Structure formats: C-alpha cells, structure tokens
PDB file of N, CA and C in Angstrom:
ATOM      1  N   MET A   1     -19.503  12.045 -35.796  1.00  0.00           N
ATOM      2  CA  MET A   1     -18.152  12.026 -34.540  1.00  0.00           C
ATOM      3  C   MET A   1     -18.817  12.994 -33.595  1.00  0.00           C
ATOM      4  N   ASP A   2     -18.694  12.474 -32.262  1.00  0.00           N
ATOM      5  CA  ASP A   2     -19.076  12.896 -31.078  1.00  0.00           C
ATOM      6  C   ASP A   2     -17.511  13.874 -30.530  1.00  0.00           C
ATOM      7  N   ASN A   3     -18.348  15.192 -30.490  1.00  0.00           N
ATOM      8  CA  ASN A   3     -16.433  16.481 -30.098  1.00  0.00           C
ATOM      9  C   ASN A   3     -17.139  16.319 -28.729  1.00  0.00           C
ATOM     10  N   ASN A   4     -17.483  15.507 -28.084  1.00  0.00           N
ATOM     11  CA  ASN A   4     -17.836  15.240 -26.208  1.00  0.00           C
ATOM     12  C   ASN A   4     -16.208  15.463 -25.530  1.00  0.00           C
ATOM     13  N   PHE A   5     -15.593  16.624 -25.761  1.00  0.00           N
ATOM     14  CA  PHE A   5     -13.992  15.615 -25.143  1.00  0.00           C
ATOM     15  C   PHE A   5     -13.818  15.670 -23.817  1.00  0.00           C
ATOM     16  N   GLN A   6     -14.635  16.019 -23.206  1.00  0.00           N
ATOM     17  CA  GLN A   6     -14.704  15.912 -21.686  1.00  0.00           C
ATOM     18  C   GLN A   6     -14.877  13.974 -21.461  1.00  0.00           C
ATOM     19  N   LYS A   7     -15.592  13.586 -22.217  1.00  0.00           N
ATOM     20  CA  LYS A   7     -15.726  12.186 -21.998  1.00  0.00           C
ATOM     21  C   LYS A   7     -15.056  11.442 -21.738  1.00  0.00           C
ATOM     22  N   TYR A   8     -14.502  11.705 -23.336  1.00  0.00           N
ATOM     23  CA  TYR A   8     -13.124  11.343 -23.692  1.00  0.00           C
ATOM     24  C   TYR A   8     -12.241  11.269 -22.992  1.00  0.00           C
ATOM     25  N   ASN A   9     -12.004  12.862 -22.027  1.00  0.00           N
ATOM     26  CA  ASN A   9     -10.651  13.225 -21.633  1.00  0.00           C
ATOM     27  C   ASN A   9     -11.238  12.151 -20.205  1.00  0.00           C
ATOM     28  N   GLU A  10     -12.074  11.804 -19.496  1.00  0.00           N
ATOM     29  CA  GLU A  10     -12.524  11.210 -18.450  1.00  0.00           C
ATOM     30  C   GLU A  10     -12.134   9.009 -18.709  1.00  0.00           C
ATOM     31  N   LEU A  11     -12.411   9.141 -20.078  1.00  0.00           N
ATOM     32  CA  LEU A  11     -12.217   7.737 -19.920  1.00  0.00           C
ATOM     33  C   LEU A  11     -10.751   7.383 -20.483  1.00  0.00           C
ATOM     34  N   ALA A  12      -9.860   8.289 -21.079  1.00  0.00           N
ATOM     35  CA  ALA A  12      -8.426   8.331 -21.224  1.00  0.00           C
ATOM     36  C   ALA A  12      -8.063   7.818 -19.780  1.00  0.00           C
ATOM     37  N   GLU A  13      -8.088   9.064 -18.830  1.00  0.00           N
ATOM     38  CA  GLU A  13      -7.743   8.853 -17.825  1.00  0.00           C
ATOM     39  C   GLU A  13      -7.559   7.892 -17.638  1.00  0.00           C
ATOM     40  N   LEU A  14      -8.644   7.092 -17.472  1.00  0.00           N
ATOM     41  CA  LEU A  14      -9.202   5.611 -16.947  1.00  0.00           C
ATOM     42  C   LEU A  14      -8.506   5.075 -17.357  1.00  0.00           C
ATOM     43  N   LEU A  15      -7.972   5.012 -18.380  1.00  0.00           N
ATOM     44  CA  LEU A  15      -7.577   3.667 -19.388  1.00  0.00           C
ATOM     45  C   LEU A  15      -5.828   4.363 -18.529  1.00  0.00           C
ATOM     46  N   LYS A  16      -5.433   5.545 -19.096  1.00  0.00           N
ATOM     47  CA  LYS A  16      -3.963   5.795 -18.222  1.00  0.00           C
ATOM     48  C   LYS A  16      -3.665   5.072 -16.981  1.00  0.00           C
ATOM     49  N   VAL A  17      -4.568   5.009 -15.989  1.00  0.00           N
ATOM     50  CA  VAL A  17      -4.303   4.686 -14.516  1.00  0.00           C
ATOM     51  C   VAL A  17      -4.397   3.231 -14.801  1.00  0.00           C
ATOM     52  N   ILE A  18      -4.964   2.310 -15.307  1.00  0.00           N
ATOM     53  CA  ILE A  18      -5.077   0.834 -15.585  1.00  0.00           C
ATOM     54  C   ILE A  18      -3.630   0.310 -16.416  1.00  0.00           C
ATOM     55  N   ALA A  19      -3.498   1.475 -17.040  1.00  0.00           N
ATOM     56  CA  ALA A  19      -2.315   0.846 -18.286  1.00  0.00           C
ATOM     57  C   ALA A  19      -0.689   0.740 -17.274  1.00  0.00           C
ATOM     58  N   HIS A  20      -0.830   0.077 -16.014  1.00  0.00           N
ATOM     59  CA  HIS A  20       0.610  -0.135 -15.697  1.00  0.00           C
ATOM     60  C   HIS A  20       0.364  -1.429 -15.994  1.00  0.00           C
ATOM     61  N   PRO A  21       1.040  -2.194 -15.570  1.00  0.00           N
ATOM     62  CA  PRO A  21       1.640  -3.622 -15.282  1.00  0.00           C
ATOM     63  C   PRO A  21       1.172  -3.621 -13.706  1.00  0.00           C
ATOM     64  N   VAL A  22       1.827  -2.956 -12.403  1.00  0.00           N
ATOM     65  CA  VAL A  22       1.210  -3.403 -10.947  1.00  0.00           C
ATOM     66  C   VAL A  22       0.078  -3.440 -10.904  1.00  0.00           C
ATOM     67  N   ARG A  23      -0.464  -1.623 -11.758  1.00  0.00           N
ATOM     68  CA  ARG A  23      -2.364  -1.789 -11.388  1.00  0.00           C
ATOM     69  C   ARG A  23      -2.739  -2.423 -12.021  1.00  0.00           C
ATOM     70  N   LEU A  24      -2.280  -3.342 -13.405  1.00  0.00           N
ATOM     71  CA  LEU A  24      -3.695  -4.498 -13.717  1.00  0.00           C
ATOM     72  C   LEU A  24      -3.587  -5.973 -12.863  1.00  0.00           C
ATOM     73  N   CYS A  25      -2.036  -6.222 -12.148  1.00  0.00           N
ATOM     74  CA  CYS A  25      -1.680  -7.023 -11.852  1.00  0.00           C
ATOM     75  C   CYS A  25      -2.904  -6.908 -10.265  1.00  0.00           C
ATOM     76  N   ILE A  26      -2.593  -5.662  -9.665  1.00  0.00           N
ATOM     77  CA  ILE A  26      -3.935  -5.375  -8.981  1.00  0.00           C
ATOM     78  C   ILE A  26      -5.450  -5.957  -9.100  1.00  0.00           C
ATOM     79  N   ILE A  27      -5.076  -4.888 -10.116  1.00  0.00           N
ATOM     80  CA  ILE A  27      -7.043  -4.941 -10.079  1.00  0.00           C
ATOM     81  C   ILE A  27      -7.869  -6.180 -10.222  1.00  0.00           C
ATOM     82  N   ARG A  28      -6.844  -7.059 -11.053  1.00  0.00           N
ATOM     83  CA  ARG A  28      -7.131  -8.643 -11.536  1.00  0.00           C
ATOM     84  C   ARG A  28      -6.823  -9.661 -10.183  1.00  0.00           C
ATOM     85  N   GLY A  29      -6.292  -9.273  -9.359  1.00  0.00           N
ATOM     86  CA  GLY A  29      -6.140  -9.512  -8.293  1.00  0.00           C
ATOM     87  C   GLY A  29      -7.274  -9.765  -7.287  1.00  0.00           C
ATOM     88  N   LEU A  30      -7.552  -8.418  -7.417  1.00  0.00           N
ATOM     89  CA  LEU A  30      -8.879  -8.373  -6.181  1.00  0.00           C
ATOM     90  C   LEU A  30     -10.190  -8.365  -7.153  1.00  0.00           C
ATOM     91  N   LEU A  31      -9.894  -8.732  -8.222  1.00  0.00           N
ATOM     92  CA  LEU A  31     -11.645  -9.354  -8.986  1.00  0.00           C
ATOM     93  C   LEU A  31     -11.204 -11.065  -8.740  1.00  0.00           C
ATOM     94  N   GLU A  32     -10.152 -11.411  -8.921  1.00  0.00           N
ATOM     95  CA  GLU A  32     -10.231 -12.412  -8.561  1.00  0.00           C
ATOM     96  C   GLU A  32     -10.357 -13.300  -7.068  1.00  0.00           C
ATOM     97  N   LYS A  33      -9.782 -12.270  -6.194  1.00  0.00           N
ATOM     98  CA  LYS A  33     -10.225 -12.582  -4.872  1.00  0.00           C
ATOM     99  C   LYS A  33     -11.277 -11.628  -3.941  1.00  0.00           C
ATOM    100  N   GLY A  34     -11.310 -11.068  -5.040  1.00  0.00           N
ATOM    101  CA  GLY A  34     -12.639 -10.244  -3.989  1.00  0.00           C
ATOM    102  C   GLY A  34     -12.382  -8.732  -2.867  1.00  0.00           C
ATOM    103  N   LYS A  35     -11.382  -8.904  -2.352  1.00  0.00           N
ATOM    104  CA  LYS A  35     -10.970  -7.909  -1.602  1.00  0.00           C
ATOM    105  C   LYS A  35      -9.805  -8.310  -0.803  1.00  0.00           C
ATOM    106  N   CYS A  36      -8.894  -7.114  -0.585  1.00  0.00           N
ATOM    107  CA  CYS A  36      -7.292  -7.797  -0.136  1.00  0.00           C
ATOM    108  C   CYS A  36      -7.066  -6.464   0.304  1.00  0.00           C
ATOM    109  N   ASN A  37      -5.907  -6.449   1.533  1.00  0.00           N
ATOM    110  CA  ASN A  37      -5.281  -5.746   2.441  1.00  0.00           C
ATOM    111  C   ASN A  37      -3.813  -5.180   1.387  1.00  0.00           C
ATOM    112  N   VAL A  38      -3.234  -4.471   1.934  1.00  0.00           N
ATOM    113  CA  VAL A  38      -2.319  -3.909   1.492  1.00  0.00           C
ATOM    114  C   VAL A  38      -0.820  -4.653   1.743  1.00  0.00           C
ATOM    115  N   SER A  39      -0.644  -6.019   2.914  1.00  0.00           N
ATOM    116  CA  SER A  39      -0.360  -6.606   3.600  1.00  0.00           C
ATOM    117  C   SER A  39      -0.032  -7.846   2.885  1.00  0.00           C
ATOM    118  N   THR A  40      -1.236  -8.207   1.996  1.00  0.00           N
ATOM    119  CA  THR A  40      -1.198  -9.704   0.923  1.00  0.00           C
ATOM    120  C   THR A  40      -1.121  -8.871  -0.001  1.00  0.00           C
ATOM    121  N   MET A  41      -1.467  -7.490  -0.832  1.00  0.00           N
ATOM    122  CA  MET A  41      -0.988  -7.607  -2.262  1.00  0.00           C
ATOM    123  C   MET A  41       0.569  -7.498  -2.121  1.00  0.00           C
ATOM    124  N   GLN A  42       1.248  -6.963  -1.188  1.00  0.00           N
ATOM    125  CA  GLN A  42       2.597  -6.129  -0.842  1.00  0.00           C
ATOM    126  C   GLN A  42       3.492  -7.837  -1.156  1.00  0.00           C
ATOM    127  N   HIS A  43       3.054  -8.915  -0.410  1.00  0.00           N
ATOM    128  CA  HIS A  43       3.148  -9.997  -0.425  1.00  0.00           C
ATOM    129  C   HIS A  43       3.216 -10.326  -1.675  1.00  0.00           C
ATOM    130  N   CYS A  44       2.050 -10.666  -2.152  1.00  0.00           N
ATOM    131  CA  CYS A  44       1.907 -11.530  -3.932  1.00  0.00           C
ATOM    132  C   CYS A  44       2.468 -10.853  -4.945  1.00  0.00           C
ATOM    133  N   LEU A  45       2.867  -9.663  -5.005  1.00  0.00           N
ATOM    134  CA  LEU A  45       3.583  -9.069  -5.638  1.00  0.00           C
ATOM    135  C   LEU A  45       5.399  -8.551  -5.294  1.00  0.00           C
ATOM    136  N   ASP A  46       5.387  -9.070  -4.579  1.00  0.00           N
ATOM    137  CA  ASP A  46       6.602  -8.383  -3.877  1.00  0.00           C
ATOM    138  C   ASP A  46       7.882  -7.526  -4.278  1.00  0.00           C
ATOM    139  N   ILE A  47       7.038  -6.104  -3.681  1.00  0.00           N
ATOM    140  CA  ILE A  47       7.078  -5.105  -3.821  1.00  0.00           C
ATOM    141  C   ILE A  47       7.141  -4.243  -2.670  1.00  0.00           C
ATOM    142  N   PRO A  48       7.597  -3.600  -2.364  1.00  0.00           N
ATOM    143  CA  PRO A  48       7.548  -2.333  -1.368  1.00  0.00           C
ATOM    144  C   PRO A  48       6.384  -2.023  -1.214  1.00  0.00           C
ATOM    145  N   GLN A  49       5.574  -2.015   0.530  1.00  0.00           N
ATOM    146  CA  GLN A  49       4.449  -1.375   0.694  1.00  0.00           C
ATOM    147  C   GLN A  49       4.198  -0.388   0.642  1.00  0.00           C
ATOM    148  N   PRO A  50       5.017   0.624   0.594  1.00  0.00           N
ATOM    149  CA  PRO A  50       5.038   2.373   0.124  1.00  0.00           C
ATOM    150  C   PRO A  50       4.337   2.194  -1.916  1.00  0.00           C
ATOM    151  N   THR A  51       5.200   1.433  -2.186  1.00  0.00           N
ATOM    152  CA  THR A  51       5.091   1.444  -3.666  1.00  0.00           C
ATOM    153  C   THR A  51       3.423   0.895  -4.078  1.00  0.00           C
ATOM    154  N   VAL A  52       2.425  -0.448  -3.380  1.00  0.00           N
ATOM    155  CA  VAL A  52       2.098  -0.343  -3.156  1.00  0.00           C
ATOM    156  C   VAL A  52       0.848   0.219  -2.817  1.00  0.00           C
ATOM    157  N   SER A  53       1.056   1.182  -1.638  1.00  0.00           N
ATOM    158  CA  SER A  53      -0.289   2.317  -1.518  1.00  0.00           C
ATOM    159  C   SER A  53       0.072   3.112  -2.163  1.00  0.00           C
ATOM    160  N   ARG A  54       1.274   3.327  -3.295  1.00  0.00           N
ATOM    161  CA  ARG A  54       1.014   4.541  -4.126  1.00  0.00           C
ATOM    162  C   ARG A  54      -0.171   3.978  -5.136  1.00  0.00           C
ATOM    163  N   HIS A  55       0.293   2.957  -5.610  1.00  0.00           N
ATOM    164  CA  HIS A  55      -0.693   2.346  -6.645  1.00  0.00           C
ATOM    165  C   HIS A  55      -1.894   2.503  -6.981  1.00  0.00           C
ATOM    166  N   LEU A  56      -2.528   1.638  -5.103  1.00  0.00           N
ATOM    167  CA  LEU A  56      -3.895   2.187  -4.538  1.00  0.00           C
ATOM    168  C   LEU A  56      -4.292   3.150  -4.421  1.00  0.00           C
ATOM    169  N   GLN A  57      -3.592   4.469  -4.507  1.00  0.00           N
ATOM    170  CA  GLN A  57      -3.991   5.810  -4.070  1.00  0.00           C
ATOM    171  C   GLN A  57      -3.956   5.820  -5.277  1.00  0.00           C
ATOM    172  N   LYS A  58      -3.926   5.835  -6.737  1.00  0.00           N
ATOM    173  CA  LYS A  58      -4.020   6.111  -8.199  1.00  0.00           C
ATOM    174  C   LYS A  58      -4.966   5.507  -8.390  1.00  0.00           C
ATOM    175  N   LEU A  59      -5.670   4.088  -7.857  1.00  0.00           N
ATOM    176  CA  LEU A  59      -6.833   3.551  -8.349  1.00  0.00           C
ATOM    177  C   LEU A  59      -7.512   4.127  -7.877  1.00  0.00           C
ATOM    178  N   LYS A  60      -7.829   4.854  -6.616  1.00  0.00           N
ATOM    179  CA  LYS A  60      -8.854   4.780  -5.532  1.00  0.00           C
ATOM    180  C   LYS A  60      -9.220   6.533  -5.911  1.00  0.00           C
ATOM    181  N   ASN A  61      -8.294   7.347  -6.620  1.00  0.00           N
ATOM    182  CA  ASN A  61      -8.932   8.784  -7.507  1.00  0.00           C
ATOM    183  C   ASN A  61      -9.176   8.694  -8.266  1.00  0.00           C
ATOM    184  N   CYS A  62      -8.865   7.697  -8.504  1.00  0.00           N
ATOM    185  CA  CYS A  62     -10.258   7.646 -10.032  1.00  0.00           C
ATOM    186  C   CYS A  62     -11.396   6.751 -10.084  1.00  0.00           C
ATOM    187  N   ASN A  63     -11.616   6.211  -9.195  1.00  0.00           N
ATOM    188  CA  ASN A  63     -12.457   5.379  -7.974  1.00  0.00           C
ATOM    189  C   ASN A  63     -12.619   4.084  -8.959  1.00  0.00           C
ATOM    190  N   ILE A  64     -11.645   3.512  -9.259  1.00  0.00           N
ATOM    191  CA  ILE A  64     -11.153   2.240  -9.773  1.00  0.00           C
ATOM    192  C   ILE A  64     -11.500   1.035  -8.575  1.00  0.00           C
ATOM    193  N   ILE A  65     -11.173   1.525  -7.045  1.00  0.00           N
ATOM    194  CA  ILE A  65     -11.178   0.689  -6.243  1.00  0.00           C
ATOM    195  C   ILE A  65     -11.950   2.010  -4.811  1.00  0.00           C
ATOM    196  N   LYS A  66     -12.423   1.013  -3.570  1.00  0.00           N
ATOM    197  CA  LYS A  66     -12.925   1.523  -2.870  1.00  0.00           C
ATOM    198  C   LYS A  66     -12.189   0.631  -2.039  1.00  0.00           C
ATOM    199  N   GLY A  67     -12.048   1.107  -0.469  1.00  0.00           N
ATOM    200  CA  GLY A  67     -11.061   0.439   0.795  1.00  0.00           C
ATOM    201  C   GLY A  67     -12.532   0.377   1.585  1.00  0.00           C
ATOM    202  N   GLU A  68     -12.332  -0.661   2.630  1.00  0.00           N
ATOM    203  CA  GLU A  68     -13.315  -1.028   3.714  1.00  0.00           C
ATOM    204  C   GLU A  68     -12.374  -1.067   4.816  1.00  0.00           C
ATOM    205  N   ARG A  69     -12.863  -0.277   5.812  1.00  0.00           N
ATOM    206  CA  ARG A  69     -12.049  -0.317   6.996  1.00  0.00           C
ATOM    207  C   ARG A  69     -12.955  -1.462   7.825  1.00  0.00           C
ATOM    208  N   ASN A  70     -11.614  -2.442   8.293  1.00  0.00           N
ATOM    209  CA  ASN A  70     -11.956  -3.567   8.848  1.00  0.00           C
ATOM    210  C   ASN A  70     -11.276  -3.369  10.344  1.00  0.00           C
ATOM    211  N   GLY A  71     -11.238  -2.459  10.927  1.00  0.00           N
ATOM    212  CA  GLY A  71     -10.627  -2.127  12.142  1.00  0.00           C
ATOM    213  C   GLY A  71      -9.150  -1.658  12.121  1.00  0.00           C
ATOM    214  N   LEU A  72      -7.877  -2.363  12.041  1.00  0.00           N
ATOM    215  CA  LEU A  72      -6.739  -1.308  11.533  1.00  0.00           C
ATOM    216  C   LEU A  72      -6.930  -1.700  10.607  1.00  0.00           C
ATOM    217  N   GLU A  73      -7.138  -2.577   9.476  1.00  0.00           N
ATOM    218  CA  GLU A  73      -7.126  -3.018   8.334  1.00  0.00           C
ATOM    219  C   GLU A  73      -8.197  -2.506   7.330  1.00  0.00           C
ATOM    220  N   ILE A  74      -7.579  -2.169   6.149  1.00  0.00           N
ATOM    221  CA  ILE A  74      -8.534  -1.911   5.109  1.00  0.00           C
ATOM    222  C   ILE A  74      -8.175  -2.670   4.109  1.00  0.00           C
ATOM    223  N   ASN A  75      -9.679  -3.332   3.342  1.00  0.00           N
ATOM    224  CA  ASN A  75      -9.677  -3.780   2.408  1.00  0.00           C
ATOM    225  C   ASN A  75     -10.390  -3.726   1.021  1.00  0.00           C
ATOM    226  N   TYR A  76      -9.444  -3.900  -0.141  1.00  0.00           N
ATOM    227  CA  TYR A  76      -9.752  -2.877  -0.714  1.00  0.00           C
ATOM    228  C   TYR A  76     -10.240  -3.651  -2.167  1.00  0.00           C
ATOM    229  N   LYS A  77     -11.652  -3.379  -2.413  1.00  0.00           N
ATOM    230  CA  LYS A  77     -11.767  -4.201  -3.929  1.00  0.00           C
ATOM    231  C   LYS A  77     -12.564  -3.151  -4.855  1.00  0.00           C
ATOM    232  N   VAL A  78     -12.439  -3.611  -6.013  1.00  0.00           N
ATOM    233  CA  VAL A  78     -13.061  -2.973  -7.412  1.00  0.00           C
ATOM    234  C   VAL A  78     -14.622  -2.587  -7.311  1.00  0.00           C
ATOM    235  N   CYS A  79     -14.776  -1.347  -7.384  1.00  0.00           N
ATOM    236  CA  CYS A  79     -15.976  -1.222  -7.648  1.00  0.00           C
ATOM    237  C   CYS A  79     -16.340  -0.402  -8.724  1.00  0.00           C
ATOM    238  N   ASN A  80     -15.860  -0.197 -10.069  1.00  0.00           N
ATOM    239  CA  ASN A  80     -15.870   0.541 -11.026  1.00  0.00           C
ATOM    240  C   ASN A  80     -16.446  -0.991 -12.313  1.00  0.00           C
ATOM    241  N   GLU A  81     -17.653  -0.837 -12.484  1.00  0.00           N
ATOM    242  CA  GLU A  81     -18.593  -1.822 -13.691  1.00  0.00           C
ATOM    243  C   GLU A  81     -17.410  -1.788 -14.938  1.00  0.00           C
ATOM    244  N   LYS A  82     -17.183  -0.432 -15.245  1.00  0.00           N
ATOM    245  CA  LYS A  82     -16.670  -0.337 -16.889  1.00  0.00           C
ATOM    246  C   LYS A  82     -15.408  -0.867 -16.427  1.00  0.00           C
ATOM    247  N   VAL A  83     -14.342  -0.696 -15.492  1.00  0.00           N
ATOM    248  CA  VAL A  83     -13.274  -1.701 -15.731  1.00  0.00           C
ATOM    249  C   VAL A  83     -13.329  -3.128 -14.757  1.00  0.00           C
ATOM    250  N   ILE A  84     -14.281  -3.500 -14.627  1.00  0.00           N
ATOM    251  CA  ILE A  84     -14.684  -4.974 -14.621  1.00  0.00           C
ATOM    252  C   ILE A  84     -14.827  -5.647 -15.877  1.00  0.00           C
ATOM    253  N   LYS A  85     -15.875  -5.109 -16.536  1.00  0.00           N
ATOM    254  CA  LYS A  85     -15.590  -4.983 -17.920  1.00  0.00           C
ATOM    255  C   LYS A  85     -14.691  -5.681 -19.089  1.00  0.00           C
ATOM    256  N   LEU A  86     -13.786  -4.025 -18.871  1.00  0.00           N
ATOM    257  CA  LEU A  86     -12.427  -4.417 -19.188  1.00  0.00           C
ATOM    258  C   LEU A  86     -11.296  -5.252 -19.352  1.00  0.00           C
ATOM    259  N   ILE A  87     -10.948  -5.614 -17.643  1.00  0.00           N
ATOM    260  CA  ILE A  87      -9.944  -6.309 -17.581  1.00  0.00           C
ATOM    261  C   ILE A  87     -10.981  -8.059 -17.834  1.00  0.00           C
ATOM    262  N   ASP A  88     -12.062  -8.009 -17.638  1.00  0.00           N
ATOM    263  CA  ASP A  88     -12.345  -9.604 -18.173  1.00  0.00           C
ATOM    264  C   ASP A  88     -12.556  -9.503 -19.698  1.00  0.00           C
ATOM    265  N   LEU A  89     -12.806  -8.409 -20.022  1.00  0.00           N
ATOM    266  CA  LEU A  89     -12.489  -8.483 -21.838  1.00  0.00           C
ATOM    267  C   LEU A  89     -11.320  -9.362 -21.835  1.00  0.00           C
ATOM    268  N   LEU A  90     -10.099  -8.209 -21.123  1.00  0.00           N
ATOM    269  CA  LEU A  90      -8.277  -8.447 -21.924  1.00  0.00           C
ATOM    270  C   LEU A  90      -8.288  -9.580 -21.285  1.00  0.00           C
ATOM    271  N   PHE A  91      -8.574 -10.138 -20.732  1.00  0.00           N
ATOM    272  CA  PHE A  91      -7.967 -11.569 -19.978  1.00  0.00           C
ATOM    273  C   PHE A  91      -9.368 -12.873 -20.017  1.00  0.00           C
ATOM    274  N   GLU A  92     -10.138 -13.015 -21.309  1.00  0.00           N
ATOM    275  CA  GLU A  92     -10.874 -13.592 -21.345  1.00  0.00           C
ATOM    276  C   GLU A  92     -10.950 -14.888 -21.804  1.00  0.00           C
ATOM    277  N   GLU A  93      -9.193 -15.352 -22.741  1.00  0.00           N
ATOM    278  CA  GLU A  93      -8.652 -16.186 -23.282  1.00  0.00           C
ATOM    279  C   GLU A  93      -7.812 -17.054 -21.853  1.00  0.00           C
ATOM    280  N   GLU A  94      -7.431 -16.205 -21.051  1.00  0.00           N
ATOM    281  CA  GLU A  94      -6.757 -16.897 -19.915  1.00  0.00           C
ATOM    282  C   GLU A  94      -8.214 -17.354 -18.979  1.00  0.00           C
ATOM    283  N   ASN A  95      -9.494 -16.593 -19.044  1.00  0.00           N
ATOM    284  CA  ASN A  95      -9.970 -17.412 -18.042  1.00  0.00           C
ATOM    285  C   ASN A  95     -10.742 -18.691 -18.857  1.00  0.00           C
ATOM    286  N   ASP A  96     -10.831 -18.448 -20.081  1.00  0.00           N
ATOM    287  CA  ASP A  96     -11.219 -19.704 -20.652  1.00  0.00           C
ATOM    288  C   ASP A  96     -10.562 -21.332 -20.404  1.00  0.00           C
ATOM    289  N   GLN A  97      -9.519 -20.785 -20.169  1.00  0.00           N
ATOM    290  CA  GLN A  97      -8.873 -22.189 -20.119  1.00  0.00           C
ATOM    291  C   GLN A  97      -8.898 -23.244 -18.251  1.00  0.00           C
TER     292      GLN A  97
END
C-alpha cells in the first residue's frame, strides 16, 4: 500500500468536483463540442447563467477546463487528460451505440 495521502487527496478532490450531475453534463458537452461559451451552456442546460458560472469556476479551479477569450466571449474546453479518459470510460457504452 502507498501511503502518499497527498496524491490520494488530489485525486479525491478531482472526483468530488466532477461528481455533480451538472458538471458531468458540462464536461461531456464540452468534449462532444470541443469548446463552448456560457450562453450556449445556459441555453442547453436550461439553468440560470450564475449557476453555470459557479460550476465552471469549480471546474477551472481544479484545472479540468480552461477558458480562451475571443473578444468579449470566453470559450471553455476540457484540458485535463485524466478527466477526458475517465469521462470516456464512464460513457463508453453510450458512445458505442
């Protein structure tokens, strides 16, 4: 057994952040579309813009997504390879259909 609890703590935090239905939906949607802005996410998710922004902030703070500014608009995309692999694994049955 490895008692490197710091490593396990970081992984546990990553799992906690993605373990929310809205954040899972955002991550999966970003992976399908490549990138997306807050307005489009708000429209697709049918939830208030501040709620979308709060979820995006949690994902950004955990280095799961990053934003790229294009004028006044910020497009987000998934930048964490572990999360990409995990989401692919979680949804592989749906992707096979």
